[in-house]
Structure formats: C-alpha cells, structure tokens
Amino acid sequence: MPDSIMYQEDAYVVLEPDQPEQFLTADELLAKLQGILTTRQDDLPIDLQRFDQPAAQARYLMETACELAMEPGSYLQWFVVRLEK
C-alpha cells in the first residue's frame, strides 16, 4: 500500500518562459490558472471546453496536467514539490 505522504502537496514550483521559478501554494496556483483561463475563454484546450466556469477549468487542469500552452512554443508548467524544514 502506498505511503500517504506521496499524496501530500506542500507547494508547486511554477515555470514560465523568461521568469525565475516561483513556489506557490495550491490556492495561489489555482488563482493563477483561473486568471489565465478567464482571458482565454475563446481559445481553450479541448478538454477544458466541457467546463462552464474558469474556476472548474483551473481545478481540472491543476489536478490532471502539469502544463498549459500559452503561445506557440511557450508553456506554463507546474510540479508538486514537498518542502522540508
């Protein structure tokens, strides 16, 4: 049986082109994705088009993917990380 610690999320590291890496909480990443998706309602990936609200789109994207195409050849990427003290 897998250890439950494997499913704990401390933070996400977010990678954007020409930007330093950022560490965000789950809520901060969700808000970032929601903000991006709010401005892209006419240009959504096919799997997100079934959701009516940007909040639901962002939640689905955060839980099932690790990148979003922004422009041709440009991606926003995020990965779960565990921060140790």
N, C-alpha and C. Protein backbone atom coordinates (compact mmCIF):
# COMPACT_ATOMS: atom_id res chain seq x y z
N MET A 1 0.84 -1.18 0.00
CA MET A 1 0.00 0.00 0.00
C MET A 1 0.89 1.25 0.00
N PRO A 2 0.60 2.23 -0.88
CA PRO A 2 1.43 3.43 -0.95
C PRO A 2 1.35 4.24 0.34
N ASP A 3 2.44 4.89 0.64
CA ASP A 3 2.51 5.77 1.80
C ASP A 3 1.69 7.03 1.51
N SER A 4 0.88 7.47 2.47
CA SER A 4 0.02 8.64 2.26
C SER A 4 0.81 9.92 2.03
N ILE A 5 2.06 9.95 2.44
CA ILE A 5 2.88 11.15 2.23
C ILE A 5 3.07 11.44 0.74
N MET A 6 2.94 10.40 -0.09
CA MET A 6 3.09 10.60 -1.53
C MET A 6 1.98 11.47 -2.11
N TYR A 7 0.89 11.61 -1.41
CA TYR A 7 -0.25 12.38 -1.92
C TYR A 7 -0.39 13.73 -1.23
N GLN A 8 0.57 14.11 -0.41
CA GLN A 8 0.53 15.40 0.24
C GLN A 8 1.20 16.45 -0.63
N GLU A 9 0.61 17.60 -0.71
CA GLU A 9 1.16 18.69 -1.51
C GLU A 9 1.57 19.81 -0.58
N ASP A 10 2.85 20.16 -0.60
CA ASP A 10 3.30 21.32 0.17
C ASP A 10 3.20 22.58 -0.67
N ALA A 11 3.64 22.47 -1.91
CA ALA A 11 3.68 23.64 -2.78
C ALA A 11 3.82 23.16 -4.23
N TYR A 12 3.79 24.12 -5.11
CA TYR A 12 4.03 23.85 -6.53
C TYR A 12 5.17 24.75 -6.98
N VAL A 13 6.05 24.22 -7.79
CA VAL A 13 7.03 25.06 -8.46
C VAL A 13 6.45 25.36 -9.84
N VAL A 14 6.44 26.65 -10.18
CA VAL A 14 5.83 27.10 -11.43
C VAL A 14 6.93 27.67 -12.32
N LEU A 15 6.96 27.19 -13.55
CA LEU A 15 7.97 27.63 -14.52
C LEU A 15 7.29 28.36 -15.66
N GLU A 16 7.78 29.57 -15.92
CA GLU A 16 7.28 30.38 -17.03
C GLU A 16 8.47 30.84 -17.86
N PRO A 17 8.28 31.00 -19.16
CA PRO A 17 9.39 31.47 -20.00
C PRO A 17 9.90 32.83 -19.53
N ASP A 18 11.20 32.98 -19.50
CA ASP A 18 11.86 34.25 -19.15
C ASP A 18 11.51 34.75 -17.75
N GLN A 19 11.12 33.85 -16.85
CA GLN A 19 10.80 34.22 -15.47
C GLN A 19 11.54 33.27 -14.53
N PRO A 20 11.92 33.75 -13.34
CA PRO A 20 12.51 32.82 -12.37
C PRO A 20 11.43 31.87 -11.86
N GLU A 21 11.84 30.71 -11.39
CA GLU A 21 10.86 29.76 -10.85
C GLU A 21 10.17 30.37 -9.64
N GLN A 22 8.90 30.01 -9.47
CA GLN A 22 8.10 30.50 -8.35
C GLN A 22 7.61 29.31 -7.55
N PHE A 23 7.51 29.47 -6.25
CA PHE A 23 6.88 28.47 -5.40
C PHE A 23 5.53 29.03 -4.97
N LEU A 24 4.46 28.31 -5.30
CA LEU A 24 3.10 28.75 -4.99
C LEU A 24 2.38 27.69 -4.18
N THR A 25 1.45 28.11 -3.36
CA THR A 25 0.56 27.17 -2.68
C THR A 25 -0.47 26.68 -3.70
N ALA A 26 -1.21 25.67 -3.33
CA ALA A 26 -2.26 25.16 -4.22
C ALA A 26 -3.28 26.25 -4.54
N ASP A 27 -3.66 27.04 -3.54
CA ASP A 27 -4.63 28.12 -3.77
C ASP A 27 -4.07 29.20 -4.69
N GLU A 28 -2.78 29.52 -4.54
CA GLU A 28 -2.16 30.52 -5.40
C GLU A 28 -2.07 30.03 -6.84
N LEU A 29 -1.72 28.76 -7.02
CA LEU A 29 -1.66 28.20 -8.38
C LEU A 29 -3.05 28.18 -9.00
N LEU A 30 -4.03 27.78 -8.23
CA LEU A 30 -5.40 27.75 -8.72
C LEU A 30 -5.84 29.14 -9.17
N ALA A 31 -5.53 30.16 -8.39
CA ALA A 31 -5.88 31.54 -8.75
C ALA A 31 -5.14 31.98 -10.01
N LYS A 32 -3.86 31.61 -10.14
CA LYS A 32 -3.08 31.96 -11.32
C LYS A 32 -3.68 31.33 -12.58
N LEU A 33 -3.98 30.03 -12.50
CA LEU A 33 -4.57 29.34 -13.64
C LEU A 33 -5.94 29.91 -13.99
N GLN A 34 -6.72 30.20 -12.97
CA GLN A 34 -8.05 30.76 -13.21
C GLN A 34 -7.94 32.12 -13.90
N GLY A 35 -7.00 32.94 -13.49
CA GLY A 35 -6.80 34.24 -14.13
C GLY A 35 -6.41 34.10 -15.59
N ILE A 36 -5.54 33.15 -15.89
CA ILE A 36 -5.13 32.92 -17.27
C ILE A 36 -6.30 32.41 -18.10
N LEU A 37 -7.03 31.45 -17.55
CA LEU A 37 -8.14 30.85 -18.30
C LEU A 37 -9.29 31.82 -18.51
N THR A 38 -9.48 32.75 -17.59
CA THR A 38 -10.54 33.75 -17.73
C THR A 38 -10.33 34.58 -18.99
N THR A 39 -9.08 34.85 -19.32
CA THR A 39 -8.79 35.66 -20.51
C THR A 39 -8.71 34.83 -21.79
N ARG A 40 -8.79 33.52 -21.66
CA ARG A 40 -8.64 32.63 -22.84
C ARG A 40 -9.89 31.82 -23.15
N GLN A 41 -11.05 32.29 -22.81
CA GLN A 41 -12.27 31.50 -22.99
C GLN A 41 -12.56 31.20 -24.47
N ASP A 42 -12.03 31.99 -25.39
CA ASP A 42 -12.22 31.72 -26.82
C ASP A 42 -11.15 30.80 -27.39
N ASP A 43 -10.14 30.48 -26.56
CA ASP A 43 -9.00 29.69 -27.04
C ASP A 43 -8.60 28.64 -25.98
N LEU A 44 -9.58 27.82 -25.58
CA LEU A 44 -9.32 26.81 -24.55
C LEU A 44 -8.91 25.47 -25.17
N PRO A 45 -8.05 24.73 -24.48
CA PRO A 45 -7.80 23.36 -24.91
C PRO A 45 -9.11 22.56 -24.90
N ILE A 46 -9.21 21.58 -25.76
CA ILE A 46 -10.45 20.82 -25.94
C ILE A 46 -10.96 20.22 -24.64
N ASP A 47 -10.07 19.66 -23.82
CA ASP A 47 -10.53 19.00 -22.59
C ASP A 47 -11.09 19.98 -21.56
N LEU A 48 -10.82 21.27 -21.69
CA LEU A 48 -11.36 22.26 -20.75
C LEU A 48 -12.67 22.86 -21.23
N GLN A 49 -13.01 22.67 -22.49
CA GLN A 49 -14.21 23.28 -23.04
C GLN A 49 -15.50 22.71 -22.46
N ARG A 50 -15.43 21.56 -21.81
CA ARG A 50 -16.65 20.98 -21.23
C ARG A 50 -17.06 21.64 -19.91
N PHE A 51 -16.17 22.46 -19.35
CA PHE A 51 -16.47 23.16 -18.10
C PHE A 51 -16.92 24.59 -18.40
N ASP A 52 -17.96 25.04 -17.71
CA ASP A 52 -18.52 26.36 -17.96
C ASP A 52 -17.74 27.49 -17.30
N GLN A 53 -17.19 27.24 -16.13
CA GLN A 53 -16.57 28.28 -15.33
C GLN A 53 -15.04 28.15 -15.31
N PRO A 54 -14.33 29.28 -15.36
CA PRO A 54 -12.87 29.24 -15.26
C PRO A 54 -12.37 28.56 -13.98
N ALA A 55 -13.12 28.67 -12.89
CA ALA A 55 -12.70 28.02 -11.64
C ALA A 55 -12.68 26.50 -11.81
N ALA A 56 -13.69 25.95 -12.44
CA ALA A 56 -13.74 24.49 -12.68
C ALA A 56 -12.69 24.08 -13.69
N GLN A 57 -12.45 24.90 -14.68
CA GLN A 57 -11.41 24.62 -15.66
C GLN A 57 -10.03 24.59 -15.00
N ALA A 58 -9.77 25.57 -14.14
CA ALA A 58 -8.48 25.65 -13.45
C ALA A 58 -8.28 24.47 -12.52
N ARG A 59 -9.31 24.09 -11.79
CA ARG A 59 -9.22 22.96 -10.87
C ARG A 59 -8.91 21.67 -11.64
N TYR A 60 -9.62 21.44 -12.73
CA TYR A 60 -9.40 20.25 -13.55
C TYR A 60 -7.97 20.24 -14.11
N LEU A 61 -7.54 21.38 -14.62
CA LEU A 61 -6.20 21.48 -15.20
C LEU A 61 -5.13 21.23 -14.14
N MET A 62 -5.30 21.81 -12.98
CA MET A 62 -4.32 21.65 -11.90
C MET A 62 -4.22 20.20 -11.45
N GLU A 63 -5.33 19.49 -11.44
CA GLU A 63 -5.36 18.12 -10.94
C GLU A 63 -4.99 17.08 -11.99
N THR A 64 -5.03 17.43 -13.26
CA THR A 64 -4.82 16.40 -14.29
C THR A 64 -3.67 16.68 -15.25
N ALA A 65 -3.05 17.84 -15.14
CA ALA A 65 -1.98 18.19 -16.09
C ALA A 65 -0.84 18.87 -15.35
N CYS A 66 0.21 19.16 -16.08
CA CYS A 66 1.33 19.89 -15.48
C CYS A 66 1.84 20.99 -16.40
N GLU A 67 1.08 21.29 -17.48
CA GLU A 67 1.48 22.39 -18.33
C GLU A 67 0.29 22.91 -19.12
N LEU A 68 0.42 24.15 -19.53
CA LEU A 68 -0.58 24.81 -20.36
C LEU A 68 0.14 25.58 -21.45
N ALA A 69 -0.20 25.32 -22.70
CA ALA A 69 0.40 26.06 -23.82
C ALA A 69 -0.09 27.50 -23.76
N MET A 70 0.84 28.43 -23.81
CA MET A 70 0.50 29.84 -23.74
C MET A 70 0.52 30.48 -25.12
N GLU A 71 1.62 30.38 -25.80
CA GLU A 71 1.82 30.89 -27.15
C GLU A 71 2.53 29.79 -27.91
N PRO A 72 2.63 29.89 -29.19
CA PRO A 72 3.39 28.87 -29.92
C PRO A 72 4.81 28.74 -29.35
N GLY A 73 5.12 27.54 -28.87
CA GLY A 73 6.45 27.27 -28.31
C GLY A 73 6.64 27.74 -26.89
N SER A 74 5.61 28.22 -26.22
CA SER A 74 5.72 28.75 -24.86
C SER A 74 4.71 28.04 -23.96
N TYR A 75 5.17 27.60 -22.80
CA TYR A 75 4.33 26.85 -21.88
C TYR A 75 4.45 27.36 -20.46
N LEU A 76 3.37 27.25 -19.71
CA LEU A 76 3.38 27.42 -18.27
C LEU A 76 3.40 26.01 -17.70
N GLN A 77 4.36 25.71 -16.83
CA GLN A 77 4.47 24.38 -16.25
C GLN A 77 4.44 24.48 -14.73
N TRP A 78 3.89 23.43 -14.09
CA TRP A 78 3.85 23.38 -12.62
C TRP A 78 4.05 21.94 -12.17
N PHE A 79 4.71 21.81 -11.03
CA PHE A 79 5.01 20.49 -10.48
C PHE A 79 4.86 20.54 -8.96
N VAL A 80 4.29 19.51 -8.39
CA VAL A 80 4.15 19.42 -6.94
C VAL A 80 5.52 19.19 -6.33
N VAL A 81 5.80 19.92 -5.25
CA VAL A 81 7.03 19.72 -4.51
C VAL A 81 6.71 19.64 -3.03
N ARG A 82 7.52 18.90 -2.30
CA ARG A 82 7.42 18.85 -0.85
C ARG A 82 8.56 19.66 -0.28
N LEU A 83 8.25 20.62 0.55
CA LEU A 83 9.26 21.46 1.17
C LEU A 83 9.57 20.93 2.56
N GLU A 84 10.84 20.71 2.82
CA GLU A 84 11.24 20.23 4.13
C GLU A 84 11.83 21.38 4.91
N LYS A 85 11.58 21.38 6.21
CA LYS A 85 12.08 22.44 7.08
C LYS A 85 13.36 22.00 7.74
